[in-house]
Amino acid sequence: MGHDFLLTTAIPEPGLQLLSDAGQVTVLPEPPDYATLSALCASGDYDVVLTQLRDVIDGPLLANARVKGVSNYAVGYNNIDVDAATR
């Protein structure tokens, strides 16, 4: 059984194919606002969320998140509260 990946935006190949080979991929049709992203992460429908710099992954969002991993398709990770994500 594969993983369920949530992508806040499409990524180029071969990345998208690699994720598809590892499980189910959901690519959002438009960038989510904070409330939408928070609800999606808390839904339990996704194992991993792949974000962009515009997507804020902070302590309050992570407190209710049911994802196992957070990844960033960007240079840097200032949008992710690494301490909260580690916990």
N, C-alpha and C. Protein backbone atom coordinates (compact mmCIF):
# COMPACT_ATOMS: atom_id res chain seq x y z
N MET A 1 0.85 -1.19 0.00
CA MET A 1 0.00 0.00 0.00
C MET A 1 0.89 1.24 0.00
N GLY A 2 0.55 2.20 -0.85
CA GLY A 2 1.36 3.40 -0.98
C GLY A 2 0.93 4.49 -0.03
N HIS A 3 1.54 5.61 -0.19
CA HIS A 3 1.24 6.78 0.62
C HIS A 3 0.28 7.70 -0.13
N ASP A 4 -0.37 8.57 0.61
CA ASP A 4 -1.23 9.60 0.03
C ASP A 4 -0.53 10.94 0.18
N PHE A 5 -0.24 11.56 -0.96
CA PHE A 5 0.49 12.83 -1.00
C PHE A 5 -0.45 13.96 -1.37
N LEU A 6 -0.35 15.07 -0.66
CA LEU A 6 -1.07 16.29 -0.98
C LEU A 6 -0.07 17.32 -1.45
N LEU A 7 -0.23 17.81 -2.66
CA LEU A 7 0.64 18.84 -3.22
C LEU A 7 -0.15 20.13 -3.34
N THR A 8 0.38 21.20 -2.78
CA THR A 8 -0.33 22.47 -2.85
C THR A 8 -0.20 23.11 -4.22
N THR A 9 0.69 22.59 -5.04
CA THR A 9 0.82 23.01 -6.44
C THR A 9 1.56 21.89 -7.18
N ALA A 10 1.38 21.83 -8.48
CA ALA A 10 2.06 20.80 -9.27
C ALA A 10 3.57 21.03 -9.24
N ILE A 11 4.30 19.94 -9.31
CA ILE A 11 5.76 20.00 -9.41
C ILE A 11 6.16 19.38 -10.74
N PRO A 12 7.34 19.73 -11.24
CA PRO A 12 7.76 19.20 -12.54
C PRO A 12 8.19 17.73 -12.45
N GLU A 13 8.23 17.12 -13.59
CA GLU A 13 8.76 15.75 -13.71
C GLU A 13 10.27 15.81 -13.55
N PRO A 14 10.89 14.80 -13.02
CA PRO A 14 10.31 13.50 -12.73
C PRO A 14 9.69 13.40 -11.34
N GLY A 15 9.65 14.51 -10.60
CA GLY A 15 9.15 14.47 -9.23
C GLY A 15 7.73 13.97 -9.11
N LEU A 16 6.85 14.44 -9.97
CA LEU A 16 5.46 14.03 -9.91
C LEU A 16 5.32 12.53 -10.18
N GLN A 17 6.07 12.03 -11.14
CA GLN A 17 6.01 10.60 -11.44
C GLN A 17 6.57 9.77 -10.28
N LEU A 18 7.63 10.22 -9.65
CA LEU A 18 8.19 9.50 -8.51
C LEU A 18 7.17 9.39 -7.38
N LEU A 19 6.45 10.48 -7.11
CA LEU A 19 5.41 10.43 -6.08
C LEU A 19 4.28 9.51 -6.51
N SER A 20 3.88 9.58 -7.76
CA SER A 20 2.80 8.72 -8.27
C SER A 20 3.19 7.25 -8.16
N ASP A 21 4.45 6.95 -8.39
CA ASP A 21 4.92 5.57 -8.26
C ASP A 21 4.86 5.09 -6.81
N ALA A 22 4.93 6.03 -5.87
CA ALA A 22 4.95 5.68 -4.44
C ALA A 22 3.56 5.70 -3.81
N GLY A 23 2.55 6.21 -4.53
CA GLY A 23 1.22 6.26 -3.93
C GLY A 23 0.27 7.16 -4.69
N GLN A 24 -0.77 7.57 -4.00
CA GLN A 24 -1.81 8.43 -4.56
C GLN A 24 -1.41 9.89 -4.40
N VAL A 25 -1.50 10.66 -5.48
CA VAL A 25 -1.11 12.06 -5.47
C VAL A 25 -2.34 12.94 -5.73
N THR A 26 -2.56 13.91 -4.86
CA THR A 26 -3.59 14.91 -5.06
C THR A 26 -2.90 16.25 -5.22
N VAL A 27 -3.12 16.89 -6.37
CA VAL A 27 -2.57 18.21 -6.64
C VAL A 27 -3.73 19.20 -6.58
N LEU A 28 -3.64 20.17 -5.70
CA LEU A 28 -4.71 21.15 -5.58
C LEU A 28 -4.77 22.02 -6.84
N PRO A 29 -5.97 22.38 -7.27
CA PRO A 29 -6.10 23.18 -8.49
C PRO A 29 -5.65 24.63 -8.34
N GLU A 30 -5.60 25.10 -7.10
CA GLU A 30 -5.13 26.46 -6.82
C GLU A 30 -4.49 26.48 -5.44
N PRO A 31 -3.60 27.42 -5.19
CA PRO A 31 -2.96 27.48 -3.88
C PRO A 31 -4.00 27.62 -2.76
N PRO A 32 -3.86 26.84 -1.71
CA PRO A 32 -4.84 26.90 -0.62
C PRO A 32 -4.57 28.08 0.31
N ASP A 33 -5.63 28.61 0.92
CA ASP A 33 -5.42 29.57 1.99
C ASP A 33 -5.10 28.77 3.25
N TYR A 34 -4.74 29.48 4.30
CA TYR A 34 -4.30 28.83 5.54
C TYR A 34 -5.37 27.90 6.10
N ALA A 35 -6.61 28.35 6.14
CA ALA A 35 -7.70 27.54 6.72
C ALA A 35 -7.92 26.26 5.92
N THR A 36 -7.87 26.36 4.61
CA THR A 36 -8.05 25.18 3.76
C THR A 36 -6.91 24.20 3.95
N LEU A 37 -5.68 24.70 3.96
CA LEU A 37 -4.53 23.83 4.15
C LEU A 37 -4.59 23.17 5.52
N SER A 38 -4.96 23.91 6.52
CA SER A 38 -5.09 23.36 7.87
C SER A 38 -6.12 22.23 7.90
N ALA A 39 -7.26 22.46 7.28
CA ALA A 39 -8.32 21.44 7.25
C ALA A 39 -7.88 20.19 6.49
N LEU A 40 -7.20 20.38 5.39
CA LEU A 40 -6.72 19.24 4.61
C LEU A 40 -5.69 18.43 5.40
N CYS A 41 -4.79 19.11 6.09
CA CYS A 41 -3.77 18.41 6.90
C CYS A 41 -4.39 17.69 8.08
N ALA A 42 -5.50 18.18 8.59
CA ALA A 42 -6.17 17.57 9.74
C ALA A 42 -7.14 16.46 9.32
N SER A 43 -7.42 16.34 8.04
CA SER A 43 -8.45 15.41 7.58
C SER A 43 -8.10 13.95 7.78
N GLY A 44 -6.82 13.63 7.83
CA GLY A 44 -6.42 12.23 7.92
C GLY A 44 -6.36 11.55 6.56
N ASP A 45 -6.63 12.30 5.50
CA ASP A 45 -6.63 11.74 4.15
C ASP A 45 -5.24 11.66 3.52
N TYR A 46 -4.27 12.35 4.10
CA TYR A 46 -2.95 12.45 3.49
C TYR A 46 -1.85 12.06 4.48
N ASP A 47 -0.83 11.39 3.95
CA ASP A 47 0.32 11.03 4.77
C ASP A 47 1.39 12.12 4.75
N VAL A 48 1.54 12.76 3.59
CA VAL A 48 2.59 13.76 3.40
C VAL A 48 1.99 14.96 2.67
N VAL A 49 2.37 16.15 3.11
CA VAL A 49 1.98 17.36 2.40
C VAL A 49 3.25 17.99 1.82
N LEU A 50 3.19 18.33 0.54
CA LEU A 50 4.30 18.98 -0.15
C LEU A 50 3.88 20.42 -0.41
N THR A 51 4.60 21.35 0.18
CA THR A 51 4.20 22.75 0.18
C THR A 51 5.14 23.61 -0.65
N GLN A 52 4.78 24.88 -0.75
CA GLN A 52 5.58 25.93 -1.36
C GLN A 52 5.89 26.96 -0.27
N LEU A 53 6.76 27.90 -0.55
CA LEU A 53 7.11 28.92 0.44
C LEU A 53 5.90 29.74 0.89
N ARG A 54 4.90 29.87 0.05
CA ARG A 54 3.72 30.67 0.41
C ARG A 54 2.84 29.96 1.44
N ASP A 55 3.00 28.64 1.59
CA ASP A 55 2.17 27.84 2.49
C ASP A 55 2.76 27.84 3.90
N VAL A 56 2.02 28.38 4.84
CA VAL A 56 2.50 28.47 6.23
C VAL A 56 2.17 27.17 6.96
N ILE A 57 3.23 26.52 7.45
CA ILE A 57 3.09 25.30 8.26
C ILE A 57 3.63 25.65 9.63
N ASP A 58 2.72 26.07 10.52
CA ASP A 58 3.15 26.53 11.85
C ASP A 58 2.59 25.63 12.95
N GLY A 59 2.91 25.98 14.18
CA GLY A 59 2.48 25.18 15.33
C GLY A 59 0.99 24.95 15.39
N PRO A 60 0.15 25.99 15.26
CA PRO A 60 -1.30 25.76 15.32
C PRO A 60 -1.80 24.82 14.23
N LEU A 61 -1.29 24.94 13.01
CA LEU A 61 -1.70 24.03 11.95
C LEU A 61 -1.27 22.61 12.28
N LEU A 62 -0.04 22.46 12.72
CA LEU A 62 0.50 21.13 13.01
C LEU A 62 -0.14 20.48 14.24
N ALA A 63 -0.67 21.30 15.15
CA ALA A 63 -1.29 20.74 16.36
C ALA A 63 -2.46 19.83 16.02
N ASN A 64 -3.16 20.13 14.93
CA ASN A 64 -4.31 19.33 14.53
C ASN A 64 -4.03 18.45 13.32
N ALA A 65 -2.84 18.56 12.75
CA ALA A 65 -2.50 17.81 11.53
C ALA A 65 -2.38 16.33 11.82
N ARG A 66 -2.78 15.55 10.85
CA ARG A 66 -2.67 14.10 10.94
C ARG A 66 -1.75 13.56 9.85
N VAL A 67 -0.86 14.41 9.35
CA VAL A 67 0.12 13.99 8.35
C VAL A 67 1.35 13.43 9.06
N LYS A 68 2.06 12.57 8.35
CA LYS A 68 3.27 11.97 8.90
C LYS A 68 4.52 12.73 8.48
N GLY A 69 4.38 13.54 7.42
CA GLY A 69 5.53 14.27 6.92
C GLY A 69 5.14 15.54 6.22
N VAL A 70 6.07 16.49 6.25
CA VAL A 70 5.91 17.77 5.56
C VAL A 70 7.16 17.97 4.72
N SER A 71 6.97 18.33 3.46
CA SER A 71 8.09 18.61 2.58
C SER A 71 7.85 19.95 1.91
N ASN A 72 8.91 20.55 1.44
CA ASN A 72 8.82 21.87 0.84
C ASN A 72 9.48 21.81 -0.53
N TYR A 73 8.76 22.22 -1.56
CA TYR A 73 9.34 22.34 -2.89
C TYR A 73 9.71 23.81 -3.07
N ALA A 74 10.89 24.15 -2.58
CA ALA A 74 11.34 25.54 -2.59
C ALA A 74 12.79 25.59 -2.15
N VAL A 75 13.37 26.74 -2.32
CA VAL A 75 14.69 27.00 -1.75
C VAL A 75 14.43 27.62 -0.40
N GLY A 76 14.77 26.90 0.64
CA GLY A 76 14.52 27.36 2.00
C GLY A 76 13.29 26.71 2.60
N TYR A 77 13.09 27.02 3.87
CA TYR A 77 11.96 26.44 4.59
C TYR A 77 11.48 27.38 5.70
N ASN A 78 11.58 28.67 5.47
CA ASN A 78 11.15 29.66 6.46
C ASN A 78 9.66 29.59 6.74
N ASN A 79 8.90 28.97 5.88
CA ASN A 79 7.45 28.84 6.05
C ASN A 79 7.06 27.68 6.96
N ILE A 80 8.02 26.88 7.37
CA ILE A 80 7.73 25.70 8.21
C ILE A 80 8.35 25.89 9.59
N ASP A 81 7.52 25.72 10.61
CA ASP A 81 8.01 25.71 11.99
C ASP A 81 8.62 24.33 12.22
N VAL A 82 9.93 24.24 12.04
CA VAL A 82 10.64 22.96 12.09
C VAL A 82 10.51 22.31 13.47
N ASP A 83 10.59 23.07 14.54
CA ASP A 83 10.44 22.50 15.88
C ASP A 83 9.07 21.86 16.06
N ALA A 84 8.02 22.56 15.64
CA ALA A 84 6.67 22.01 15.75
C ALA A 84 6.51 20.79 14.86
N ALA A 85 7.08 20.83 13.66
CA ALA A 85 6.98 19.69 12.75
C ALA A 85 7.72 18.49 13.30
N THR A 86 8.83 18.71 13.97
CA THR A 86 9.60 17.62 14.55
C THR A 86 8.83 16.94 15.68
N ARG A 87 8.13 17.75 16.46
CA ARG A 87 7.32 17.16 17.54
C ARG A 87 6.16 16.38 16.97
